[in-house]
Amino acid sequence: MEHRTTEESTAAARHARFGKLPERIRHEDLTEEKAATVQDPARHAYDPARSWTSFSCLAADLGL
């Protein structure tokens, strides 16, 4: 008889702890909106005087 009450108390404790699913999280709470920054055209403009700064090559690094 004691074995039966132990199972019942264990089941009751398990149900009290895990018996209920957590509340749903809304999609609006999962996403974050950020304002997009305006693209700077000067950032991607070609500058012949500084074009070597974006060039990555072993020969250029060695000065060949």
N, C-alpha and C. Protein backbone atom coordinates (compact mmCIF):
# COMPACT_ATOMS: atom_id res chain seq x y z
N MET A 1 0.81 -1.18 0.00
CA MET A 1 0.00 0.00 0.00
C MET A 1 0.87 1.26 0.00
N GLU A 2 1.97 1.20 0.71
CA GLU A 2 2.84 2.36 0.76
C GLU A 2 3.47 2.63 -0.61
N HIS A 3 3.72 1.55 -1.35
CA HIS A 3 4.29 1.69 -2.69
C HIS A 3 3.33 2.48 -3.58
N ARG A 4 2.06 2.25 -3.43
CA ARG A 4 1.04 2.93 -4.24
C ARG A 4 1.00 4.43 -3.89
N THR A 5 1.07 4.78 -2.63
CA THR A 5 1.03 6.19 -2.25
C THR A 5 2.30 6.91 -2.66
N THR A 6 3.43 6.19 -2.68
CA THR A 6 4.68 6.79 -3.13
C THR A 6 4.59 7.11 -4.61
N GLU A 7 4.03 6.19 -5.40
CA GLU A 7 3.85 6.45 -6.83
C GLU A 7 2.91 7.62 -7.06
N GLU A 8 1.83 7.68 -6.28
CA GLU A 8 0.87 8.77 -6.44
C GLU A 8 1.48 10.11 -6.04
N SER A 9 2.25 10.12 -4.96
CA SER A 9 2.86 11.38 -4.55
C SER A 9 3.94 11.82 -5.54
N THR A 10 4.65 10.84 -6.09
CA THR A 10 5.67 11.16 -7.11
C THR A 10 5.00 11.71 -8.36
N ALA A 11 3.88 11.07 -8.76
CA ALA A 11 3.15 11.53 -9.93
C ALA A 11 2.57 12.92 -9.69
N ALA A 12 2.08 13.18 -8.49
CA ALA A 12 1.53 14.50 -8.17
C ALA A 12 2.63 15.56 -8.18
N ALA A 13 3.79 15.24 -7.66
CA ALA A 13 4.91 16.19 -7.67
C ALA A 13 5.37 16.46 -9.10
N ARG A 14 5.43 15.43 -9.93
CA ARG A 14 5.83 15.59 -11.32
C ARG A 14 4.82 16.43 -12.08
N HIS A 15 3.52 16.18 -11.80
CA HIS A 15 2.48 16.95 -12.48
C HIS A 15 2.51 18.42 -12.02
N ALA A 16 2.79 18.65 -10.76
CA ALA A 16 2.86 20.02 -10.26
C ALA A 16 4.02 20.77 -10.90
N ARG A 17 5.10 20.06 -11.18
CA ARG A 17 6.29 20.72 -11.75
C ARG A 17 6.24 20.81 -13.26
N PHE A 18 5.81 19.72 -13.93
CA PHE A 18 5.88 19.68 -15.39
C PHE A 18 4.51 19.55 -16.05
N GLY A 19 3.45 19.56 -15.31
CA GLY A 19 2.14 19.27 -15.86
C GLY A 19 1.57 20.35 -16.76
N LYS A 20 2.11 21.55 -16.72
CA LYS A 20 1.55 22.66 -17.49
C LYS A 20 2.64 23.23 -18.40
N LEU A 21 2.29 23.41 -19.65
CA LEU A 21 3.23 24.00 -20.59
C LEU A 21 3.39 25.49 -20.31
N PRO A 22 4.54 26.04 -20.61
CA PRO A 22 4.70 27.50 -20.42
C PRO A 22 3.80 28.26 -21.39
N GLU A 23 3.52 29.49 -21.06
CA GLU A 23 2.67 30.30 -21.92
C GLU A 23 3.37 30.55 -23.25
N ARG A 24 2.56 30.67 -24.30
CA ARG A 24 3.11 30.93 -25.63
C ARG A 24 3.71 32.32 -25.69
N ILE A 25 4.77 32.43 -26.44
CA ILE A 25 5.41 33.73 -26.66
C ILE A 25 4.93 34.23 -28.01
N ARG A 26 4.42 35.44 -28.02
CA ARG A 26 3.90 36.00 -29.26
C ARG A 26 5.05 36.27 -30.24
N HIS A 27 4.72 36.23 -31.53
CA HIS A 27 5.72 36.47 -32.56
C HIS A 27 6.28 37.89 -32.44
N GLU A 28 5.46 38.83 -32.06
CA GLU A 28 5.91 40.21 -31.92
C GLU A 28 6.97 40.34 -30.82
N ASP A 29 6.90 39.47 -29.82
CA ASP A 29 7.88 39.51 -28.74
C ASP A 29 9.20 38.84 -29.13
N LEU A 30 9.18 38.02 -30.18
CA LEU A 30 10.39 37.32 -30.61
C LEU A 30 11.21 38.12 -31.62
N THR A 31 10.58 39.08 -32.27
CA THR A 31 11.27 39.83 -33.31
C THR A 31 11.56 41.24 -32.83
N GLU A 32 12.59 41.82 -33.40
CA GLU A 32 12.97 43.19 -33.07
C GLU A 32 13.09 43.98 -34.36
N GLU A 33 12.49 45.11 -34.39
CA GLU A 33 12.56 45.96 -35.58
C GLU A 33 13.57 47.05 -35.34
N LYS A 34 14.42 47.25 -36.33
CA LYS A 34 15.40 48.33 -36.28
C LYS A 34 15.24 49.17 -37.53
N ALA A 35 15.41 50.43 -37.36
CA ALA A 35 15.36 51.32 -38.52
C ALA A 35 16.63 51.12 -39.35
N ALA A 36 16.45 51.00 -40.66
CA ALA A 36 17.59 50.81 -41.54
C ALA A 36 18.32 52.14 -41.71
N THR A 37 19.63 52.06 -41.77
CA THR A 37 20.40 53.28 -41.99
C THR A 37 20.46 53.57 -43.48
N VAL A 38 20.52 54.83 -43.79
CA VAL A 38 20.61 55.24 -45.18
C VAL A 38 22.01 54.90 -45.68
N GLN A 39 22.08 54.31 -46.87
CA GLN A 39 23.40 53.96 -47.41
C GLN A 39 24.17 55.20 -47.80
N ASP A 40 25.43 55.19 -47.45
CA ASP A 40 26.32 56.29 -47.78
C ASP A 40 26.97 56.00 -49.13
N PRO A 41 26.66 56.76 -50.17
CA PRO A 41 27.25 56.47 -51.48
C PRO A 41 28.77 56.66 -51.50
N ALA A 42 29.29 57.50 -50.62
CA ALA A 42 30.74 57.72 -50.59
C ALA A 42 31.47 56.51 -50.02
N ARG A 43 30.77 55.68 -49.29
CA ARG A 43 31.40 54.51 -48.70
C ARG A 43 31.86 53.51 -49.75
N HIS A 44 31.05 53.37 -50.81
CA HIS A 44 31.38 52.40 -51.85
C HIS A 44 31.88 53.06 -53.13
N ALA A 45 32.18 54.33 -53.07
CA ALA A 45 32.67 55.03 -54.26
C ALA A 45 34.12 54.62 -54.53
N TYR A 46 34.48 54.64 -55.79
CA TYR A 46 35.84 54.28 -56.19
C TYR A 46 36.75 55.49 -56.02
N ASP A 47 37.83 55.29 -55.31
CA ASP A 47 38.81 56.34 -55.09
C ASP A 47 40.16 55.79 -55.57
N PRO A 48 40.65 56.24 -56.71
CA PRO A 48 41.89 55.66 -57.25
C PRO A 48 43.09 55.86 -56.34
N ALA A 49 43.12 56.92 -55.58
CA ALA A 49 44.26 57.16 -54.69
C ALA A 49 44.29 56.17 -53.53
N ARG A 50 43.14 55.70 -53.10
CA ARG A 50 43.08 54.79 -51.96
C ARG A 50 42.70 53.37 -52.38
N SER A 51 42.70 53.06 -53.66
CA SER A 51 42.26 51.75 -54.11
C SER A 51 43.17 50.64 -53.61
N TRP A 52 44.40 50.95 -53.32
CA TRP A 52 45.34 49.92 -52.86
C TRP A 52 45.00 49.44 -51.46
N THR A 53 44.24 50.20 -50.67
CA THR A 53 43.93 49.80 -49.30
C THR A 53 43.01 48.59 -49.24
N SER A 54 42.20 48.41 -50.28
CA SER A 54 41.29 47.26 -50.29
C SER A 54 41.86 46.10 -51.09
N PHE A 55 43.06 46.25 -51.62
CA PHE A 55 43.67 45.21 -52.43
C PHE A 55 44.49 44.28 -51.53
N SER A 56 44.16 43.03 -51.55
CA SER A 56 44.87 42.08 -50.70
C SER A 56 45.50 41.01 -51.59
N CYS A 57 46.80 41.03 -51.64
CA CYS A 57 47.51 40.09 -52.49
C CYS A 57 48.91 39.89 -51.90
N LEU A 58 49.41 38.68 -51.95
CA LEU A 58 50.72 38.40 -51.40
C LEU A 58 51.80 39.18 -52.15
N ALA A 59 51.67 39.29 -53.47
CA ALA A 59 52.66 40.03 -54.24
C ALA A 59 52.68 41.50 -53.83
N ALA A 60 51.52 42.06 -53.58
CA ALA A 60 51.45 43.46 -53.16
C ALA A 60 52.00 43.62 -51.74
N ASP A 61 51.74 42.62 -50.88
CA ASP A 61 52.27 42.68 -49.52
C ASP A 61 53.79 42.61 -49.50
N LEU A 62 54.36 41.87 -50.45
CA LEU A 62 55.82 41.74 -50.52
C LEU A 62 56.45 42.88 -51.30
N GLY A 63 55.62 43.72 -51.93
CA GLY A 63 56.15 44.86 -52.69
C GLY A 63 56.69 44.45 -54.03
N LEU A 64 56.17 43.41 -54.60
CA LEU A 64 56.65 42.95 -55.92
C LEU A 64 55.93 43.62 -57.04
